[in-house]
C-alpha atoms as a PDB file:
ATOM      1  CA  TYR A   1       0.000   0.000   0.000  1.00  0.00           C
ATOM      2  CA  CYS A   2       1.701   3.168  -1.187  1.00  0.00           C
ATOM      3  CA  THR A   3       1.054   6.851  -1.706  1.00  0.00           C
ATOM      4  CA  VAL A   4       2.494   6.498  -5.225  1.00  0.00           C
ATOM      5  CA  ILE A   5       2.913   3.244  -7.139  1.00  0.00           C
ATOM      6  CA  PRO A   6       6.563   2.823  -8.179  1.00  0.00           C
ATOM      7  CA  ASP A   7       7.368   3.525 -11.815  1.00  0.00           C
ATOM      8  CA  LEU A   8       7.095   0.421 -14.003  1.00  0.00           C
ATOM      9  CA  GLU A   9      10.667   0.704 -15.296  1.00  0.00           C
ATOM     10  CA  ILE A  10      12.034   0.978 -11.777  1.00  0.00           C
ATOM     11  CA  ARG A  11      10.113  -2.152 -10.750  1.00  0.00           C
ATOM     12  CA  LYS A  12      11.338  -4.029 -13.805  1.00  0.00           C
ATOM     13  CA  THR A  13      14.932  -3.219 -12.945  1.00  0.00           C
ATOM     14  CA  ARG A  14      14.573  -4.202  -9.308  1.00  0.00           C
ATOM     15  CA  THR A  15      12.743  -7.482  -9.855  1.00  0.00           C
ATOM     16  CA  ARG A  16      15.091  -8.578 -12.634  1.00  0.00           C
ATOM     17  CA  MET A  17      17.941  -8.187 -10.181  1.00  0.00           C
ATOM     18  CA  VAL A  18      16.162 -10.940  -8.230  1.00  0.00           C
ATOM     19  CA  ASP A  19      15.019 -13.023 -11.190  1.00  0.00           C
ATOM     20  CA  GLU A  20      15.939 -12.286 -14.827  1.00  0.00           C
ATOM     21  CA  LYS A  21      12.814 -14.125 -16.047  1.00  0.00           C
ATOM     22  CA  SER A  22      10.426 -12.167 -13.860  1.00  0.00           C
ATOM     23  CA  LEU A  23       7.146 -11.114 -15.452  1.00  0.00           C
ATOM     24  CA  ILE A  24       6.085  -7.521 -14.773  1.00  0.00           C
ATOM     25  CA  ILE A  25       2.458  -6.538 -15.276  1.00  0.00           C
ATOM     26  CA  THR A  26       0.736  -3.229 -14.567  1.00  0.00           C
ATOM     27  CA  GLU A  27       0.573  -2.419 -10.841  1.00  0.00           C
ATOM     28  CA  SER A  28       1.918  -5.868 -10.034  1.00  0.00           C
ATOM     29  CA  ASP A  29       5.214  -7.767  -9.935  1.00  0.00           C
ATOM     30  CA  ARG A  30       5.837 -11.494 -10.309  1.00  0.00           C
ATOM     31  CA  PHE A  31       9.145 -13.197  -9.741  1.00  0.00           C
ATOM     32  CA  THR A  32      10.761 -16.107  -7.920  1.00  0.00           C
ATOM     33  CA  LEU A  33      12.814 -15.908  -4.761  1.00  0.00           C
ATOM     34  CA  ASP A  34      14.805 -18.954  -3.684  1.00  0.00           C
ATOM     35  CA  GLY A  35      12.479 -21.135  -5.716  1.00  0.00           C
ATOM     36  CA  THR A  36       9.325 -19.551  -4.263  1.00  0.00           C
ATOM     37  CA  TYR A  37       6.853 -17.862  -6.613  1.00  0.00           C
ATOM     38  CA  VAL A  38       6.173 -14.299  -5.438  1.00  0.00           C
ATOM     39  CA  HIS A  39       3.349 -12.029  -6.591  1.00  0.00           C
ATOM     40  CA  ILE A  40       3.234  -8.453  -5.283  1.00  0.00           C
ATOM     41  CA  ASP A  41       0.160  -6.255  -5.788  1.00  0.00           C
ATOM     42  CA  PHE A  42       0.308  -2.483  -5.366  1.00  0.00           C
ATOM     43  CA  GLU A  43      -2.649  -0.516  -3.980  1.00  0.00           C
ATOM     44  CA  LEU A  44      -2.878   3.250  -3.554  1.00  0.00           C
ATOM     45  CA  ILE A  45      -3.603   4.337   0.011  1.00  0.00           C
ATOM     46  CA  ASP A  46      -6.036   6.991  -1.265  1.00  0.00           C
ATOM     47  CA  GLU A  47      -8.040   4.354  -3.153  1.00  0.00           C
ATOM     48  CA  VAL A  48      -8.300   2.121  -0.109  1.00  0.00           C
ATOM     49  CA  GLU A  49      -9.404   5.081   2.010  1.00  0.00           C
ATOM     50  CA  LYS A  50     -12.145   5.852  -0.532  1.00  0.00           C
ATOM     51  CA  SER A  51     -13.383   2.268  -0.408  1.00  0.00           C
ATOM     52  CA  PHE A  52     -14.501   2.727   3.183  1.00  0.00           C
ATOM     53  CA  SER A  53     -16.969   5.409   2.140  1.00  0.00           C
ATOM     54  CA  SER A  54     -18.266   3.495  -0.910  1.00  0.00           C
ATOM     55  CA  PRO A  55     -20.930   0.741  -0.862  1.00  0.00           C
ATOM     56  CA  THR A  56     -19.379  -1.801   1.462  1.00  0.00           C
ATOM     57  CA  TRP A  57     -19.691  -4.843  -0.789  1.00  0.00           C
ATOM     58  CA  GLN A  58     -17.197  -3.285  -3.222  1.00  0.00           C
ATOM     59  CA  SER A  59     -14.407  -3.620  -0.670  1.00  0.00           C
ATOM     60  CA  LEU A  60     -14.590  -7.349   0.085  1.00  0.00           C
ATOM     61  CA  GLY A  61     -11.644  -8.438  -2.036  1.00  0.00           C
ATOM     62  CA  MET A  62      -9.443  -5.803  -0.455  1.00  0.00           C
ATOM     63  CA  TRP A  63     -10.652  -6.582   3.062  1.00  0.00           C
ATOM     64  CA  GLU A  64      -9.380 -10.133   2.943  1.00  0.00           C
ATOM     65  CA  SER A  65      -5.713  -9.158   2.599  1.00  0.00           C
ATOM     66  CA  ILE A  66      -6.087  -6.258   5.054  1.00  0.00           C
ATOM     67  CA  GLN A  67      -7.730  -8.303   7.792  1.00  0.00           C
ATOM     68  CA  CYS A  68      -5.904 -11.606   7.350  1.00  0.00           C
ATOM     69  CA  GLY A  69      -2.491 -10.473   6.109  1.00  0.00           C
ATOM     70  CA  LYS A  70       0.462 -10.348   8.488  1.00  0.00           C
ATOM     71  CA  ILE A  71       1.795  -6.830   9.063  1.00  0.00           C
ATOM     72  CA  VAL A  72       5.553  -6.719   8.569  1.00  0.00           C
ATOM     73  CA  TYR A  73       5.953  -2.932   8.324  1.00  0.00           C
ATOM     74  CA  ASP A  74       3.397  -0.270   9.206  1.00  0.00           C
ATOM     75  CA  SER A  75       5.284   2.688  10.694  1.00  0.00           C
ATOM     76  CA  ASN A  76       2.304   5.051  10.465  1.00  0.00           C
ATOM     77  CA  MET A  77      -0.211   2.428  11.711  1.00  0.00           C
ATOM     78  CA  ILE A  78      -2.295   2.873   8.555  1.00  0.00           C
ATOM     79  CA  LEU A  79      -2.900  -0.816   7.965  1.00  0.00           C
ATOM     80  CA  GLN A  80      -3.699  -1.429  11.628  1.00  0.00           C
ATOM     81  CA  ARG A  81      -6.293   1.339  11.506  1.00  0.00           C
ATOM     82  CA  TRP A  82      -7.910  -0.317   8.467  1.00  0.00           C
ATOM     83  CA  LYS A  83      -7.943  -3.657  10.277  1.00  0.00           C
ATOM     84  CA  ASP A  84      -9.696  -2.015  13.209  1.00  0.00           C
ATOM     85  CA  LEU A  85     -12.272  -0.372  10.931  1.00  0.00           C
ATOM     86  CA  ILE A  86     -13.148  -3.726   9.367  1.00  0.00           C
ATOM     87  CA  SER A  87     -13.231  -5.612  12.656  1.00  0.00           C
ATOM     88  CA  ASN A  88     -15.453  -2.958  14.260  1.00  0.00           C
ATOM     89  CA  MET A  89     -17.902  -2.554  11.379  1.00  0.00           C
ATOM     90  CA  GLY A  90     -21.292  -1.471  12.737  1.00  0.00           C
ATOM     91  CA  LEU A  91     -24.359  -3.673  12.768  1.00  0.00           C
ATOM     92  CA  GLU A  92     -26.213  -1.538  10.228  1.00  0.00           C
ATOM     93  CA  ALA A  93     -23.313  -1.725   7.752  1.00  0.00           C
ATOM     94  CA  LYS A  94     -23.113  -5.500   8.160  1.00  0.00           C
ATOM     95  CA  LYS A  95     -26.851  -5.844   7.642  1.00  0.00           C
ATOM     96  CA  ASN A  96     -26.774  -3.738   4.472  1.00  0.00           C
ATOM     97  CA  LEU A  97     -23.828  -5.733   3.148  1.00  0.00           C
ATOM     98  CA  ALA A  98     -25.624  -9.018   3.820  1.00  0.00           C
ATOM     99  CA  LEU A  99     -28.756  -7.818   2.029  1.00  0.00           C
ATOM    100  CA  GLU A 100     -26.705  -6.684  -0.967  1.00  0.00           C
ATOM    101  CA  LEU A 101     -25.041 -10.095  -1.182  1.00  0.00           C
ATOM    102  CA  PHE A 102     -28.395 -11.895  -0.894  1.00  0.00           C
ATOM    103  CA  SER A 103     -29.732  -9.876  -3.819  1.00  0.00           C
ATOM    104  CA  ARG A 104     -26.748 -11.044  -5.882  1.00  0.00           C
ATOM    105  CA  LEU A 105     -27.319 -14.621  -4.734  1.00  0.00           C
ATOM    106  CA  ASN A 106     -30.929 -14.531  -5.893  1.00  0.00           C
ATOM    107  CA  GLU A 107     -29.936 -13.110  -9.270  1.00  0.00           C
ATOM    108  CA  ASP A 108     -27.412 -15.888  -9.771  1.00  0.00           C
ATOM    109  CA  ILE A 109     -29.949 -18.545  -8.773  1.00  0.00           C
ATOM    110  CA  ARG A 110     -32.116 -17.193 -11.605  1.00  0.00           C
ATOM    111  CA  ARG A 111     -29.163 -17.544 -13.989  1.00  0.00           C
ATOM    112  CA  LEU A 112     -28.552 -21.048 -12.703  1.00  0.00           C
ATOM    113  CA  TYR A 113     -31.981 -22.149 -13.895  1.00  0.00           C
ATOM    114  CA  ILE A 114     -31.366 -20.484 -17.263  1.00  0.00           C
ATOM    115  CA  ALA A 115     -28.206 -22.602 -17.588  1.00  0.00           C
ATOM    116  CA  ILE A 116     -30.268 -25.723 -16.775  1.00  0.00           C
ATOM    117  CA  GLU A 117     -32.930 -24.792 -19.302  1.00  0.00           C
ATOM    118  CA  LYS A 118     -30.297 -24.347 -22.008  1.00  0.00           C
ATOM    119  CA  ASP A 119     -28.416 -27.476 -20.886  1.00  0.00           C
ATOM    120  CA  GLU A 120     -25.121 -25.628 -20.420  1.00  0.00           C
ATOM    121  CA  PRO A 121     -23.218 -27.350 -17.569  1.00  0.00           C
ATOM    122  CA  ILE A 122     -20.109 -25.176 -18.060  1.00  0.00           C
ATOM    123  CA  TYR A 123     -22.124 -21.972 -17.640  1.00  0.00           C
ATOM    124  CA  PHE A 124     -23.845 -23.668 -14.687  1.00  0.00           C
ATOM    125  CA  SER A 125     -20.478 -24.369 -13.014  1.00  0.00           C
ATOM    126  CA  ILE A 126     -19.355 -20.732 -13.449  1.00  0.00           C
ATOM    127  CA  ILE A 127     -22.548 -19.416 -11.830  1.00  0.00           C
ATOM    128  CA  LEU A 128     -22.250 -22.053  -9.115  1.00  0.00           C
ATOM    129  CA  GLY A 129     -18.809 -20.680  -8.238  1.00  0.00           C
ATOM    130  CA  ASN A 130     -20.258 -17.167  -7.930  1.00  0.00           C
ATOM    131  CA  ILE A 131     -23.032 -18.423  -5.669  1.00  0.00           C
ATOM    132  CA  LEU A 132     -20.617 -20.265  -3.384  1.00  0.00           C
ATOM    133  CA  THR A 133     -18.476 -17.133  -3.068  1.00  0.00           C
ATOM    134  CA  TYR A 134     -21.435 -14.917  -2.133  1.00  0.00           C
ATOM    135  CA  TYR A 135     -22.768 -17.559   0.257  1.00  0.00           C
ATOM    136  CA  PHE A 136     -19.528 -17.848   2.192  1.00  0.00           C
ATOM    137  CA  GLN A 137     -19.016 -14.092   2.198  1.00  0.00           C
ATOM    138  CA  ILE A 138     -22.327 -13.797   4.065  1.00  0.00           C
ATOM    139  CA  LEU A 139     -21.444 -16.687   6.359  1.00  0.00           C
ATOM    140  CA  CYS A 140     -18.107 -15.072   7.244  1.00  0.00           C
ATOM    141  CA  LEU A 141     -19.819 -11.713   7.760  1.00  0.00           C
ATOM    142  CA  LEU A 142     -22.145 -13.296  10.348  1.00  0.00           C
ATOM    143  CA  ASN A 143     -19.064 -14.596  12.133  1.00  0.00           C
ATOM    144  CA  HIS A 144     -17.120 -11.288  12.044  1.00  0.00           C
ATOM    145  CA  ARG A 145     -14.653 -12.626   9.471  1.00  0.00           C
ATOM    146  CA  PHE A 146     -13.947 -11.628   5.896  1.00  0.00           C
ATOM    147  CA  ILE A 147     -12.181 -14.602   4.346  1.00  0.00           C
ATOM    148  CA  VAL A 148     -14.065 -14.851   1.102  1.00  0.00           C
ATOM    149  CA  PHE A 149     -12.756 -17.881  -0.783  1.00  0.00           C
ATOM    150  CA  PRO A 150     -14.952 -21.010  -0.567  1.00  0.00           C
ATOM    151  CA  LYS A 151     -11.933 -23.276  -1.179  1.00  0.00           C
ATOM    152  CA  TRP A 152     -10.867 -22.674   2.450  1.00  0.00           C
ATOM    153  CA  MET A 153     -14.259 -23.373   3.964  1.00  0.00           C
ATOM    154  CA  HIS A 154     -13.731 -27.115   4.499  1.00  0.00           C
ATOM    155  CA  ILE A 155     -11.142 -26.056   7.075  1.00  0.00           C
ATOM    156  CA  MET A 156     -12.828 -22.954   8.503  1.00  0.00           C
ATOM    157  CA  ILE A 157     -16.452 -23.976   8.577  1.00  0.00           C
ATOM    158  CA  HIS A 158     -15.990 -26.039  11.728  1.00  0.00           C
ATOM    159  CA  GLU A 159     -14.638 -22.971  13.549  1.00  0.00           C
ATOM    160  CA  LEU A 160     -17.628 -20.718  12.811  1.00  0.00           C
ATOM    161  CA  ASN A 161     -20.066 -20.057  15.649  1.00  0.00           C
ATOM    162  CA  TYR A 162     -23.020 -18.991  13.501  1.00  0.00           C
ATOM    163  CA  LYS A 163     -23.998 -21.308  10.643  1.00  0.00           C
ATOM    164  CA  PRO A 164     -27.057 -23.228   9.445  1.00  0.00           C
ATOM    165  CA  ASP A 165     -27.513 -26.720  10.881  1.00  0.00           C
ATOM    166  CA  ASN A 166     -25.577 -29.543   9.161  1.00  0.00           C
ATOM    167  CA  ILE A 167     -24.165 -27.095   6.615  1.00  0.00           C
ATOM    168  CA  TYR A 168     -20.945 -29.032   6.029  1.00  0.00           C
ATOM    169  CA  GLU A 169     -22.769 -32.297   5.302  1.00  0.00           C
ATOM    170  CA  LYS A 170     -25.285 -30.550   3.036  1.00  0.00           C
ATOM    171  CA  PHE A 171     -22.576 -28.899   0.954  1.00  0.00           C
ATOM    172  CA  SER A 172     -20.514 -32.097   0.813  1.00  0.00           C
ATOM    173  CA  ASN A 173     -23.486 -34.087  -0.474  1.00  0.00           C
ATOM    174  CA  MET A 174     -24.471 -31.426  -2.986  1.00  0.00           C
ATOM    175  CA  LEU A 175     -20.987 -30.906  -4.419  1.00  0.00           C
ATOM    176  CA  SER A 176     -20.044 -34.582  -4.597  1.00  0.00           C
ATOM    177  CA  VAL A 177     -22.288 -35.337  -7.605  1.00  0.00           C
ATOM    178  CA  GLU A 178     -21.429 -34.991 -11.288  1.00  0.00           C
ATOM    179  CA  LEU A 179     -22.492 -31.800 -13.041  1.00  0.00           C
ATOM    180  CA  ASP A 180     -24.535 -33.635 -15.652  1.00  0.00           C
ATOM    181  CA  HIS A 181     -28.026 -32.670 -16.789  1.00  0.00           C
ATOM    182  CA  LYS A 182     -29.900 -35.061 -14.508  1.00  0.00           C
ATOM    183  CA  ASN A 183     -28.242 -33.565 -11.413  1.00  0.00           C
ATOM    184  CA  LEU A 184     -28.291 -29.838 -12.256  1.00  0.00           C
ATOM    185  CA  THR A 185     -31.881 -29.218 -11.138  1.00  0.00           C
ATOM    186  CA  LYS A 186     -31.327 -31.108  -7.898  1.00  0.00           C
ATOM    187  CA  ILE A 187     -28.183 -29.086  -7.152  1.00  0.00           C
ATOM    188  CA  ALA A 188     -30.076 -25.837  -7.790  1.00  0.00           C
ATOM    189  CA  GLU A 189     -32.882 -26.927  -5.460  1.00  0.00           C
ATOM    190  CA  ASN A 190     -30.393 -27.858  -2.739  1.00  0.00           C
ATOM    191  CA  LEU A 191     -28.710 -24.479  -3.142  1.00  0.00           C
ATOM    192  CA  GLU A 192     -32.013 -22.678  -2.717  1.00  0.00           C
ATOM    193  CA  GLU A 193     -32.586 -24.614   0.499  1.00  0.00           C
ATOM    194  CA  LEU A 194     -29.111 -23.721   1.776  1.00  0.00           C
ATOM    195  CA  ILE A 195     -29.632 -20.055   0.911  1.00  0.00           C
ATOM    196  CA  SER A 196     -33.034 -20.079   2.639  1.00  0.00           C
ATOM    197  CA  ASP A 197     -31.434 -21.481   5.807  1.00  0.00           C
ATOM    198  CA  LEU A 198     -28.724 -18.811   5.673  1.00  0.00           C
ATOM    199  CA  LEU A 199     -31.281 -16.048   5.145  1.00  0.00           C
ATOM    200  CA  GLU A 200     -33.230 -17.242   8.189  1.00  0.00           C
ATOM    201  CA  LEU A 201     -30.065 -17.186  10.283  1.00  0.00           C
ATOM    202  CA  THR A 202     -29.190 -13.686   8.994  1.00  0.00           C
ATOM    203  CA  ARG A 203     -32.669 -12.386   9.803  1.00  0.00           C
ATOM    204  CA  ASN A 204     -32.418 -13.664  13.351  1.00  0.00           C
ATOM    205  CA  LEU A 205     -28.941 -12.247  13.988  1.00  0.00           C
ATOM    206  CA  TYR A 206     -29.606  -8.836  12.421  1.00  0.00           C
ATOM    207  CA  ASN A 207     -33.293  -8.501  13.341  1.00  0.00           C
ATOM    208  CA  ILE A 208     -34.321  -8.177   9.695  1.00  0.00           C
ATOM    209  CA  PRO A 209     -38.135  -8.242   9.343  1.00  0.00           C
ATOM    210  CA  ARG A 210     -39.803 -10.508   6.806  1.00  0.00           C
ATOM    211  CA  ILE A 211     -41.439  -8.661   3.917  1.00  0.00           C
END
């Protein structure tokens, strides 16, 4: 996180001193260090500051690295202040974020049935990935965490205090079947049930009235 992103030519020179084959892309550096693949992303401090005043769902990808990353240098305590802002997000902001994510979930469920109708399992799998991401973003939000990638949930899900009953078994059963036409509708129905359970839990925790 910097006030000014280093000039591309300067970064090329520096990273090639480490690895001559390093690949430099805009606002990012990739190289190897002692056989370890390294990928550095640059973010402007001003842009991160703005994200806290924008609709909260836009910041999720950034929040993950801020909240979960290990601070190795933060002389002005900027990153620590961001961590505190995320950790202490107010109830109203969390509720609004959850509702925004549920609206996206419902839209993707609609697309899921379009994929079934057109018999497009590849499109179905793409939408399924989106749904899983939104689902676990909400689940983490309910548990005051912002790790957003579903691929980690088989480890984390057991540590969460607030979650629908038997969620791990339900997801395991749903995701263990082949994505062929005969199973697509059943998967979509199971997803709707899982989302309904999560919505009920969210309503109870955030006192959201039923419409």
